[in-house]
Amino acid sequence: MKLARVVGRVTLSVGDPAYKGARFLVASPWSPKAPEPPQGKLRKGNTFVVYDNLGASPGDLIGYTDGGEAAAPFPEPTPCDAYNAAIIDTLTHKPLPT
């Protein structure tokens, strides 16, 4: 599982029935080594679209899977590149001493 910060939503004019009951979000990769960008600013790097059926909102930290594992939660073969698996409430990170 990887972590990302939700930065926006995707609006579809027509959706595939396989995605009923969920939505797509725009997310930016997150790392404990990189500082959080100021509110309203995007982290430098790529953003991506993630399938969300948990109800994450912009600003939330999420745990996602990508690649072949992203399609695993669907009962039928469904094209999905990234799947929101968790909304992170609290994250505690202590770097190892060097």
PDB file of N, CA and C in Angstrom:
ATOM      1  N   MET A   1       0.843  -1.164   0.000  1.00  0.00           N
ATOM      2  CA  MET A   1       0.000   0.000   0.000  1.00  0.00           C
ATOM      3  C   MET A   1       0.893   1.233   0.000  1.00  0.00           C
ATOM      4  N   LYS A   2       0.476   2.221  -0.769  1.00  0.00           N
ATOM      5  CA  LYS A   2       1.175   3.497  -0.850  1.00  0.00           C
ATOM      6  C   LYS A   2       0.263   4.580  -0.298  1.00  0.00           C
ATOM      7  N   LEU A   3       0.842   5.729   0.027  1.00  0.00           N
ATOM      8  CA  LEU A   3       0.063   6.829   0.578  1.00  0.00           C
ATOM      9  C   LEU A   3      -0.010   7.983  -0.399  1.00  0.00           C
ATOM     10  N   ALA A   4      -1.150   8.686  -0.370  1.00  0.00           N
ATOM     11  CA  ALA A   4      -1.347   9.853  -1.234  1.00  0.00           C
ATOM     12  C   ALA A   4      -2.271  10.831  -0.540  1.00  0.00           C
ATOM     13  N   ARG A   5      -2.160  12.089  -0.936  1.00  0.00           N
ATOM     14  CA  ARG A   5      -3.051  13.137  -0.438  1.00  0.00           C
ATOM     15  C   ARG A   5      -4.067  13.423  -1.552  1.00  0.00           C
ATOM     16  N   VAL A   6      -5.362  13.432  -1.210  1.00  0.00           N
ATOM     17  CA  VAL A   6      -6.413  13.738  -2.186  1.00  0.00           C
ATOM     18  C   VAL A   6      -6.381  15.235  -2.456  1.00  0.00           C
ATOM     19  N   VAL A   7      -6.309  15.605  -3.746  1.00  0.00           N
ATOM     20  CA  VAL A   7      -6.234  17.013  -4.113  1.00  0.00           C
ATOM     21  C   VAL A   7      -7.430  17.480  -4.926  1.00  0.00           C
ATOM     22  N   GLY A   8      -8.309  16.573  -5.335  1.00  0.00           N
ATOM     23  CA  GLY A   8      -9.467  16.993  -6.114  1.00  0.00           C
ATOM     24  C   GLY A   8     -10.358  15.822  -6.487  1.00  0.00           C
ATOM     25  N   ARG A   9     -11.395  16.129  -7.251  1.00  0.00           N
ATOM     26  CA  ARG A   9     -12.354  15.123  -7.711  1.00  0.00           C
ATOM     27  C   ARG A   9     -12.414  15.128  -9.220  1.00  0.00           C
ATOM     28  N   VAL A  10     -12.834  14.009  -9.790  1.00  0.00           N
ATOM     29  CA  VAL A  10     -13.022  13.885 -11.231  1.00  0.00           C
ATOM     30  C   VAL A  10     -14.521  13.866 -11.494  1.00  0.00           C
ATOM     31  N   THR A  11     -14.970  14.647 -12.473  1.00  0.00           N
ATOM     32  CA  THR A  11     -16.372  14.663 -12.848  1.00  0.00           C
ATOM     33  C   THR A  11     -16.526  13.944 -14.189  1.00  0.00           C
ATOM     34  N   LEU A  12     -17.404  12.946 -14.212  1.00  0.00           N
ATOM     35  CA  LEU A  12     -17.657  12.187 -15.427  1.00  0.00           C
ATOM     36  C   LEU A  12     -19.008  12.580 -16.013  1.00  0.00           C
ATOM     37  N   SER A  13     -19.071  12.712 -17.329  1.00  0.00           N
ATOM     38  CA  SER A  13     -20.365  12.966 -17.960  1.00  0.00           C
ATOM     39  C   SER A  13     -21.104  11.649 -18.187  1.00  0.00           C
ATOM     40  N   VAL A  14     -20.355  10.584 -18.430  1.00  0.00           N
ATOM     41  CA  VAL A  14     -20.926   9.245 -18.586  1.00  0.00           C
ATOM     42  C   VAL A  14     -20.015   8.287 -17.836  1.00  0.00           C
ATOM     43  N   GLY A  15     -20.605   7.422 -17.008  1.00  0.00           N
ATOM     44  CA  GLY A  15     -19.810   6.475 -16.236  1.00  0.00           C
ATOM     45  C   GLY A  15     -20.143   5.043 -16.591  1.00  0.00           C
ATOM     46  N   ASP A  16     -19.177   4.169 -16.463  1.00  0.00           N
ATOM     47  CA  ASP A  16     -19.379   2.740 -16.684  1.00  0.00           C
ATOM     48  C   ASP A  16     -20.173   2.172 -15.507  1.00  0.00           C
ATOM     49  N   PRO A  17     -21.154   1.289 -15.759  1.00  0.00           N
ATOM     50  CA  PRO A  17     -21.937   0.712 -14.661  1.00  0.00           C
ATOM     51  C   PRO A  17     -21.092  -0.031 -13.616  1.00  0.00           C
ATOM     52  N   ALA A  18     -19.922  -0.509 -13.986  1.00  0.00           N
ATOM     53  CA  ALA A  18     -19.054  -1.215 -13.032  1.00  0.00           C
ATOM     54  C   ALA A  18     -18.613  -0.297 -11.897  1.00  0.00           C
ATOM     55  N   TYR A  19     -18.628   1.009 -12.122  1.00  0.00           N
ATOM     56  CA  TYR A  19     -18.180   1.967 -11.122  1.00  0.00           C
ATOM     57  C   TYR A  19     -19.325   2.575 -10.323  1.00  0.00           C
ATOM     58  N   LYS A  20     -20.519   2.013 -10.419  1.00  0.00           N
ATOM     59  CA  LYS A  20     -21.691   2.572  -9.738  1.00  0.00           C
ATOM     60  C   LYS A  20     -21.469   2.604  -8.224  1.00  0.00           C
ATOM     61  N   GLY A  21     -21.881   3.700  -7.614  1.00  0.00           N
ATOM     62  CA  GLY A  21     -21.776   3.831  -6.164  1.00  0.00           C
ATOM     63  C   GLY A  21     -20.448   4.363  -5.675  1.00  0.00           C
ATOM     64  N   ALA A  22     -19.588   4.808  -6.568  1.00  0.00           N
ATOM     65  CA  ALA A  22     -18.283   5.323  -6.168  1.00  0.00           C
ATOM     66  C   ALA A  22     -17.925   6.508  -7.057  1.00  0.00           C
ATOM     67  N   ARG A  23     -16.733   7.009  -6.884  1.00  0.00           N
ATOM     68  CA  ARG A  23     -16.286   8.149  -7.675  1.00  0.00           C
ATOM     69  C   ARG A  23     -14.786   8.069  -7.890  1.00  0.00           C
ATOM     70  N   PHE A  24     -14.274   8.984  -8.660  1.00  0.00           N
ATOM     71  CA  PHE A  24     -12.847   9.062  -8.914  1.00  0.00           C
ATOM     72  C   PHE A  24     -12.293  10.340  -8.290  1.00  0.00           C
ATOM     73  N   LEU A  25     -11.116  10.223  -7.706  1.00  0.00           N
ATOM     74  CA  LEU A  25     -10.439  11.345  -7.072  1.00  0.00           C
ATOM     75  C   LEU A  25      -9.082  11.572  -7.716  1.00  0.00           C
ATOM     76  N   VAL A  26      -8.585  12.787  -7.618  1.00  0.00           N
ATOM     77  CA  VAL A  26      -7.226  13.108  -8.049  1.00  0.00           C
ATOM     78  C   VAL A  26      -6.367  13.121  -6.787  1.00  0.00           C
ATOM     79  N   ALA A  27      -5.256  12.397  -6.820  1.00  0.00           N
ATOM     80  CA  ALA A  27      -4.386  12.279  -5.650  1.00  0.00           C
ATOM     81  C   ALA A  27      -2.942  12.593  -6.022  1.00  0.00           C
ATOM     82  N   SER A  28      -2.195  13.000  -5.011  1.00  0.00           N
ATOM     83  CA  SER A  28      -0.778  13.319  -5.167  1.00  0.00           C
ATOM     84  C   SER A  28       0.018  12.417  -4.230  1.00  0.00           C
ATOM     85  N   PRO A  29       1.079  11.766  -4.712  1.00  0.00           N
ATOM     86  CA  PRO A  29       1.864  10.872  -3.853  1.00  0.00           C
ATOM     87  C   PRO A  29       2.347  11.583  -2.586  1.00  0.00           C
ATOM     88  N   TRP A  30       2.383  10.830  -1.476  1.00  0.00           N
ATOM     89  CA  TRP A  30       2.799  11.377  -0.184  1.00  0.00           C
ATOM     90  C   TRP A  30       3.978  10.583   0.343  1.00  0.00           C
ATOM     91  N   SER A  31       4.919  11.277   0.989  1.00  0.00           N
ATOM     92  CA  SER A  31       6.075  10.629   1.583  1.00  0.00           C
ATOM     93  C   SER A  31       6.405  11.323   2.898  1.00  0.00           C
ATOM     94  N   PRO A  32       6.762  10.564   3.935  1.00  0.00           N
ATOM     95  CA  PRO A  32       7.135  11.219   5.194  1.00  0.00           C
ATOM     96  C   PRO A  32       8.435  12.017   5.089  1.00  0.00           C
ATOM     97  N   LYS A  33       9.235  11.740   4.073  1.00  0.00           N
ATOM     98  CA  LYS A  33      10.514  12.437   3.917  1.00  0.00           C
ATOM     99  C   LYS A  33      10.345  13.827   3.301  1.00  0.00           C
ATOM    100  N   ALA A  34       9.229  14.037   2.595  1.00  0.00           N
ATOM    101  CA  ALA A  34       9.003  15.324   1.932  1.00  0.00           C
ATOM    102  C   ALA A  34       8.021  16.153   2.757  1.00  0.00           C
ATOM    103  N   PRO A  35       8.283  17.440   2.948  1.00  0.00           N
ATOM    104  CA  PRO A  35       7.363  18.259   3.735  1.00  0.00           C
ATOM    105  C   PRO A  35       6.030  18.443   3.015  1.00  0.00           C
ATOM    106  N   GLU A  36       4.981  18.652   3.797  1.00  0.00           N
ATOM    107  CA  GLU A  36       3.662  18.901   3.218  1.00  0.00           C
ATOM    108  C   GLU A  36       3.689  20.246   2.505  1.00  0.00           C
ATOM    109  N   PRO A  37       3.079  20.330   1.312  1.00  0.00           N
ATOM    110  CA  PRO A  37       3.010  21.635   0.648  1.00  0.00           C
ATOM    111  C   PRO A  37       2.014  22.538   1.378  1.00  0.00           C
ATOM    112  N   PRO A  38       2.114  23.853   1.198  1.00  0.00           N
ATOM    113  CA  PRO A  38       1.148  24.754   1.832  1.00  0.00           C
ATOM    114  C   PRO A  38      -0.278  24.431   1.385  1.00  0.00           C
ATOM    115  N   GLN A  39      -1.267  24.774   2.209  1.00  0.00           N
ATOM    116  CA  GLN A  39      -2.672  24.501   1.898  1.00  0.00           C
ATOM    117  C   GLN A  39      -3.025  25.070   0.527  1.00  0.00           C
ATOM    118  N   GLY A  40      -3.664  24.266  -0.298  1.00  0.00           N
ATOM    119  CA  GLY A  40      -4.078  24.702  -1.630  1.00  0.00           C
ATOM    120  C   GLY A  40      -3.017  24.537  -2.702  1.00  0.00           C
ATOM    121  N   LYS A  41      -1.822  24.094  -2.335  1.00  0.00           N
ATOM    122  CA  LYS A  41      -0.739  23.902  -3.305  1.00  0.00           C
ATOM    123  C   LYS A  41      -0.515  22.408  -3.512  1.00  0.00           C
ATOM    124  N   LEU A  42      -0.097  22.034  -4.722  1.00  0.00           N
ATOM    125  CA  LEU A  42       0.199  20.638  -5.038  1.00  0.00           C
ATOM    126  C   LEU A  42       1.669  20.351  -4.807  1.00  0.00           C
ATOM    127  N   ARG A  43       1.948  19.119  -4.398  1.00  0.00           N
ATOM    128  CA  ARG A  43       3.331  18.661  -4.281  1.00  0.00           C
ATOM    129  C   ARG A  43       3.871  18.476  -5.691  1.00  0.00           C
ATOM    130  N   LYS A  44       5.120  18.799  -5.894  1.00  0.00           N
ATOM    131  CA  LYS A  44       5.718  18.577  -7.206  1.00  0.00           C
ATOM    132  C   LYS A  44       5.768  17.087  -7.479  1.00  0.00           C
ATOM    133  N   GLY A  45       5.479  16.715  -8.693  1.00  0.00           N
ATOM    134  CA  GLY A  45       5.436  15.305  -9.067  1.00  0.00           C
ATOM    135  C   GLY A  45       4.124  14.998  -9.754  1.00  0.00           C
ATOM    136  N   ASN A  46       3.937  13.753 -10.043  1.00  0.00           N
ATOM    137  CA  ASN A  46       2.743  13.356 -10.778  1.00  0.00           C
ATOM    138  C   ASN A  46       1.532  13.225  -9.871  1.00  0.00           C
ATOM    139  N   THR A  47       0.379  13.609 -10.402  1.00  0.00           N
ATOM    140  CA  THR A  47      -0.883  13.295  -9.753  1.00  0.00           C
ATOM    141  C   THR A  47      -1.505  12.151 -10.546  1.00  0.00           C
ATOM    142  N   PHE A  48      -2.455  11.469  -9.948  1.00  0.00           N
ATOM    143  CA  PHE A  48      -3.082  10.340 -10.616  1.00  0.00           C
ATOM    144  C   PHE A  48      -4.538  10.256 -10.182  1.00  0.00           C
ATOM    145  N   VAL A  49      -5.312   9.455 -10.901  1.00  0.00           N
ATOM    146  CA  VAL A  49      -6.729   9.259 -10.602  1.00  0.00           C
ATOM    147  C   VAL A  49      -6.873   7.947  -9.843  1.00  0.00           C
ATOM    148  N   VAL A  50      -7.667   7.977  -8.760  1.00  0.00           N
ATOM    149  CA  VAL A  50      -7.863   6.804  -7.926  1.00  0.00           C
ATOM    150  C   VAL A  50      -9.365   6.556  -7.759  1.00  0.00           C
ATOM    151  N   TYR A  51      -9.776   5.288  -7.845  1.00  0.00           N
ATOM    152  CA  TYR A  51     -11.165   4.887  -7.621  1.00  0.00           C
ATOM    153  C   TYR A  51     -11.433   4.899  -6.123  1.00  0.00           C
ATOM    154  N   ASP A  52     -12.546   5.529  -5.717  1.00  0.00           N
ATOM    155  CA  ASP A  52     -12.842   5.666  -4.293  1.00  0.00           C
ATOM    156  C   ASP A  52     -14.290   5.289  -4.003  1.00  0.00           C
ATOM    157  N   ASN A  53     -14.483   4.276  -3.176  1.00  0.00           N
ATOM    158  CA  ASN A  53     -15.828   3.940  -2.723  1.00  0.00           C
ATOM    159  C   ASN A  53     -15.940   4.098  -1.200  1.00  0.00           C
ATOM    160  N   LEU A  54     -14.941   4.735  -0.587  1.00  0.00           N
ATOM    161  CA  LEU A  54     -14.938   4.935   0.862  1.00  0.00           C
ATOM    162  C   LEU A  54     -15.405   6.327   1.280  1.00  0.00           C
ATOM    163  N   GLY A  55     -15.388   7.277   0.354  1.00  0.00           N
ATOM    164  CA  GLY A  55     -15.845   8.628   0.678  1.00  0.00           C
ATOM    165  C   GLY A  55     -14.759   9.594   1.086  1.00  0.00           C
ATOM    166  N   ALA A  56     -13.559   9.435   0.567  1.00  0.00           N
ATOM    167  CA  ALA A  56     -12.471  10.376   0.873  1.00  0.00           C
ATOM    168  C   ALA A  56     -12.777  11.735   0.252  1.00  0.00           C
ATOM    169  N   SER A  57     -12.260  12.780   0.880  1.00  0.00           N
ATOM    170  CA  SER A  57     -12.468  14.155   0.424  1.00  0.00           C
ATOM    171  C   SER A  57     -11.131  14.816   0.150  1.00  0.00           C
ATOM    172  N   PRO A  58     -11.129  15.904  -0.618  1.00  0.00           N
ATOM    173  CA  PRO A  58      -9.886  16.634  -0.824  1.00  0.00           C
ATOM    174  C   PRO A  58      -9.253  17.008   0.513  1.00  0.00           C
ATOM    175  N   GLY A  59      -7.954  16.769   0.611  1.00  0.00           N
ATOM    176  CA  GLY A  59      -7.203  17.020   1.838  1.00  0.00           C
ATOM    177  C   GLY A  59      -6.948  15.760   2.649  1.00  0.00           C
ATOM    178  N   ASP A  60      -7.728  14.699   2.423  1.00  0.00           N
ATOM    179  CA  ASP A  60      -7.540  13.448   3.161  1.00  0.00           C
ATOM    180  C   ASP A  60      -6.278  12.716   2.715  1.00  0.00           C
ATOM    181  N   LEU A  61      -5.657  12.021   3.659  1.00  0.00           N
ATOM    182  CA  LEU A  61      -4.544  11.129   3.362  1.00  0.00           C
ATOM    183  C   LEU A  61      -5.140   9.738   3.169  1.00  0.00           C
ATOM    184  N   ILE A  62      -4.813   9.091   2.053  1.00  0.00           N
ATOM    185  CA  ILE A  62      -5.377   7.776   1.747  1.00  0.00           C
ATOM    186  C   ILE A  62      -4.281   6.752   1.530  1.00  0.00           C
ATOM    187  N   GLY A  63      -4.636   5.485   1.721  1.00  0.00           N
ATOM    188  CA  GLY A  63      -3.776   4.366   1.370  1.00  0.00           C
ATOM    189  C   GLY A  63      -4.355   3.743   0.117  1.00  0.00           C
ATOM    190  N   TYR A  64      -3.549   3.583  -0.909  1.00  0.00           N
ATOM    191  CA  TYR A  64      -4.059   3.059  -2.170  1.00  0.00           C
ATOM    192  C   TYR A  64      -3.189   1.921  -2.686  1.00  0.00           C
ATOM    193  N   THR A  65      -3.797   1.111  -3.529  1.00  0.00           N
ATOM    194  CA  THR A  65      -3.058   0.086  -4.259  1.00  0.00           C
ATOM    195  C   THR A  65      -3.126   0.441  -5.727  1.00  0.00           C
ATOM    196  N   ASP A  66      -2.115   0.025  -6.460  1.00  0.00           N
ATOM    197  CA  ASP A  66      -2.135   0.283  -7.903  1.00  0.00           C
ATOM    198  C   ASP A  66      -1.666  -0.945  -8.650  1.00  0.00           C
ATOM    199  N   GLY A  67      -1.696  -0.867  -9.946  1.00  0.00           N
ATOM    200  CA  GLY A  67      -1.320  -2.013 -10.777  1.00  0.00           C
ATOM    201  C   GLY A  67      -2.411  -3.069 -10.776  1.00  0.00           C
ATOM    202  N   GLY A  68      -2.037  -4.319 -10.888  1.00  0.00           N
ATOM    203  CA  GLY A  68      -2.984  -5.428 -10.950  1.00  0.00           C
ATOM    204  C   GLY A  68      -3.827  -5.573  -9.703  1.00  0.00           C
ATOM    205  N   GLU A  69      -3.278  -5.204  -8.540  1.00  0.00           N
ATOM    206  CA  GLU A  69      -4.017  -5.319  -7.290  1.00  0.00           C
ATOM    207  C   GLU A  69      -5.186  -4.351  -7.214  1.00  0.00           C
ATOM    208  N   ALA A  70      -5.152  -3.262  -7.983  1.00  0.00           N
ATOM    209  CA  ALA A  70      -6.227  -2.270  -7.943  1.00  0.00           C
ATOM    210  C   ALA A  70      -7.538  -2.839  -8.475  1.00  0.00           C
ATOM    211  N   ALA A  71      -7.485  -3.806  -9.367  1.00  0.00           N
ATOM    212  CA  ALA A  71      -8.699  -4.396  -9.935  1.00  0.00           C
ATOM    213  C   ALA A  71      -9.218  -5.566  -9.101  1.00  0.00           C
ATOM    214  N   ALA A  72      -8.480  -6.008  -8.096  1.00  0.00           N
ATOM    215  CA  ALA A  72      -8.858  -7.184  -7.303  1.00  0.00           C
ATOM    216  C   ALA A  72     -10.185  -7.040  -6.554  1.00  0.00           C
ATOM    217  N   PRO A  73     -10.575  -5.862  -6.033  1.00  0.00           N
ATOM    218  CA  PRO A  73     -11.832  -5.779  -5.284  1.00  0.00           C
ATOM    219  C   PRO A  73     -13.097  -5.935  -6.132  1.00  0.00           C
ATOM    220  N   PHE A  74     -12.982  -5.859  -7.430  1.00  0.00           N
ATOM    221  CA  PHE A  74     -14.153  -5.931  -8.302  1.00  0.00           C
ATOM    222  C   PHE A  74     -14.499  -7.386  -8.621  1.00  0.00           C
ATOM    223  N   PRO A  75     -15.802  -7.750  -8.591  1.00  0.00           N
ATOM    224  CA  PRO A  75     -16.183  -9.133  -8.895  1.00  0.00           C
ATOM    225  C   PRO A  75     -15.981  -9.493 -10.368  1.00  0.00           C
ATOM    226  N   GLU A  76     -16.144  -8.540 -11.255  1.00  0.00           N
ATOM    227  CA  GLU A  76     -15.943  -8.748 -12.691  1.00  0.00           C
ATOM    228  C   GLU A  76     -14.640  -8.068 -13.112  1.00  0.00           C
ATOM    229  N   PRO A  77     -14.025  -8.493 -14.202  1.00  0.00           N
ATOM    230  CA  PRO A  77     -12.840  -7.771 -14.684  1.00  0.00           C
ATOM    231  C   PRO A  77     -13.198  -6.304 -14.964  1.00  0.00           C
ATOM    232  N   THR A  78     -12.523  -5.399 -14.279  1.00  0.00           N
ATOM    233  CA  THR A  78     -12.804  -3.969 -14.388  1.00  0.00           C
ATOM    234  C   THR A  78     -11.493  -3.212 -14.524  1.00  0.00           C
ATOM    235  N   PRO A  79     -11.398  -2.322 -15.515  1.00  0.00           N
ATOM    236  CA  PRO A  79     -10.159  -1.555 -15.667  1.00  0.00           C
ATOM    237  C   PRO A  79     -10.035  -0.509 -14.556  1.00  0.00           C
ATOM    238  N   CYS A  80      -8.996  -0.642 -13.747  1.00  0.00           N
ATOM    239  CA  CYS A  80      -8.774   0.283 -12.637  1.00  0.00           C
ATOM    240  C   CYS A  80      -7.269   0.330 -12.364  1.00  0.00           C
ATOM    241  N   ASP A  81      -6.690   1.517 -12.402  1.00  0.00           N
ATOM    242  CA  ASP A  81      -5.249   1.657 -12.187  1.00  0.00           C
ATOM    243  C   ASP A  81      -4.875   1.896 -10.734  1.00  0.00           C
ATOM    244  N   ALA A  82      -5.766   2.540  -9.954  1.00  0.00           N
ATOM    245  CA  ALA A  82      -5.484   2.806  -8.540  1.00  0.00           C
ATOM    246  C   ALA A  82      -6.794   2.724  -7.758  1.00  0.00           C
ATOM    247  N   TYR A  83      -6.740   2.088  -6.588  1.00  0.00           N
ATOM    248  CA  TYR A  83      -7.923   1.829  -5.767  1.00  0.00           C
ATOM    249  C   TYR A  83      -7.681   2.333  -4.346  1.00  0.00           C
ATOM    250  N   ASN A  84      -8.583   3.157  -3.832  1.00  0.00           N
ATOM    251  CA  ASN A  84      -8.461   3.667  -2.471  1.00  0.00           C
ATOM    252  C   ASN A  84      -8.839   2.556  -1.501  1.00  0.00           C
ATOM    253  N   ALA A  85      -7.880   2.073  -0.739  1.00  0.00           N
ATOM    254  CA  ALA A  85      -8.114   0.977   0.201  1.00  0.00           C
ATOM    255  C   ALA A  85      -8.316   1.454   1.630  1.00  0.00           C
ATOM    256  N   ALA A  86      -7.921   2.701   1.961  1.00  0.00           N
ATOM    257  CA  ALA A  86      -8.037   3.182   3.336  1.00  0.00           C
ATOM    258  C   ALA A  86      -7.989   4.702   3.384  1.00  0.00           C
ATOM    259  N   ILE A  87      -8.717   5.267   4.331  1.00  0.00           N
ATOM    260  CA  ILE A  87      -8.592   6.687   4.651  1.00  0.00           C
ATOM    261  C   ILE A  87      -7.825   6.747   5.971  1.00  0.00           C
ATOM    262  N   ILE A  88      -6.693   7.419   5.966  1.00  0.00           N
ATOM    263  CA  ILE A  88      -5.799   7.451   7.120  1.00  0.00           C
ATOM    264  C   ILE A  88      -6.243   8.570   8.070  1.00  0.00           C
ATOM    265  N   ASP A  89      -6.618   8.199   9.300  1.00  0.00           N
ATOM    266  CA  ASP A  89      -7.013   9.191  10.306  1.00  0.00           C
ATOM    267  C   ASP A  89      -5.785   9.782  10.992  1.00  0.00           C
ATOM    268  N   THR A  90      -4.895   8.914  11.449  1.00  0.00           N
ATOM    269  CA  THR A  90      -3.708   9.348  12.175  1.00  0.00           C
ATOM    270  C   THR A  90      -2.506   8.580  11.657  1.00  0.00           C
ATOM    271  N   LEU A  91      -1.405   9.272  11.503  1.00  0.00           N
ATOM    272  CA  LEU A  91      -0.176   8.633  11.043  1.00  0.00           C
ATOM    273  C   LEU A  91       0.956   9.085  11.958  1.00  0.00           C
ATOM    274  N   THR A  92       1.637   8.133  12.565  1.00  0.00           N
ATOM    275  CA  THR A  92       2.779   8.428  13.418  1.00  0.00           C
ATOM    276  C   THR A  92       4.015   7.855  12.747  1.00  0.00           C
ATOM    277  N   HIS A  93       5.010   8.697  12.567  1.00  0.00           N
ATOM    278  CA  HIS A  93       6.230   8.264  11.891  1.00  0.00           C
ATOM    279  C   HIS A  93       7.431   8.707  12.715  1.00  0.00           C
ATOM    280  N   LYS A  94       8.256   7.735  13.137  1.00  0.00           N
ATOM    281  CA  LYS A  94       9.494   8.029  13.833  1.00  0.00           C
ATOM    282  C   LYS A  94      10.651   7.520  12.966  1.00  0.00           C
ATOM    283  N   PRO A  95      11.449   8.409  12.414  1.00  0.00           N
ATOM    284  CA  PRO A  95      12.583   7.951  11.612  1.00  0.00           C
ATOM    285  C   PRO A  95      13.564   7.158  12.485  1.00  0.00           C
ATOM    286  N   LEU A  96      14.192   6.169  11.902  1.00  0.00           N
ATOM    287  CA  LEU A  96      15.210   5.378  12.602  1.00  0.00           C
ATOM    288  C   LEU A  96      16.445   6.222  12.841  1.00  0.00           C
ATOM    289  N   PRO A  97      17.090   6.074  13.991  1.00  0.00           N
ATOM    290  CA  PRO A  97      18.314   6.842  14.237  1.00  0.00           C
ATOM    291  C   PRO A  97      19.413   6.397  13.266  1.00  0.00           C
ATOM    292  N   THR A  98      20.216   7.370  12.889  1.00  0.00           N
ATOM    293  CA  THR A  98      21.304   7.059  11.941  1.00  0.00           C
ATOM    294  C   THR A  98      22.627   6.942  12.657  1.00  0.00           C
TER     295      THR A  98
END
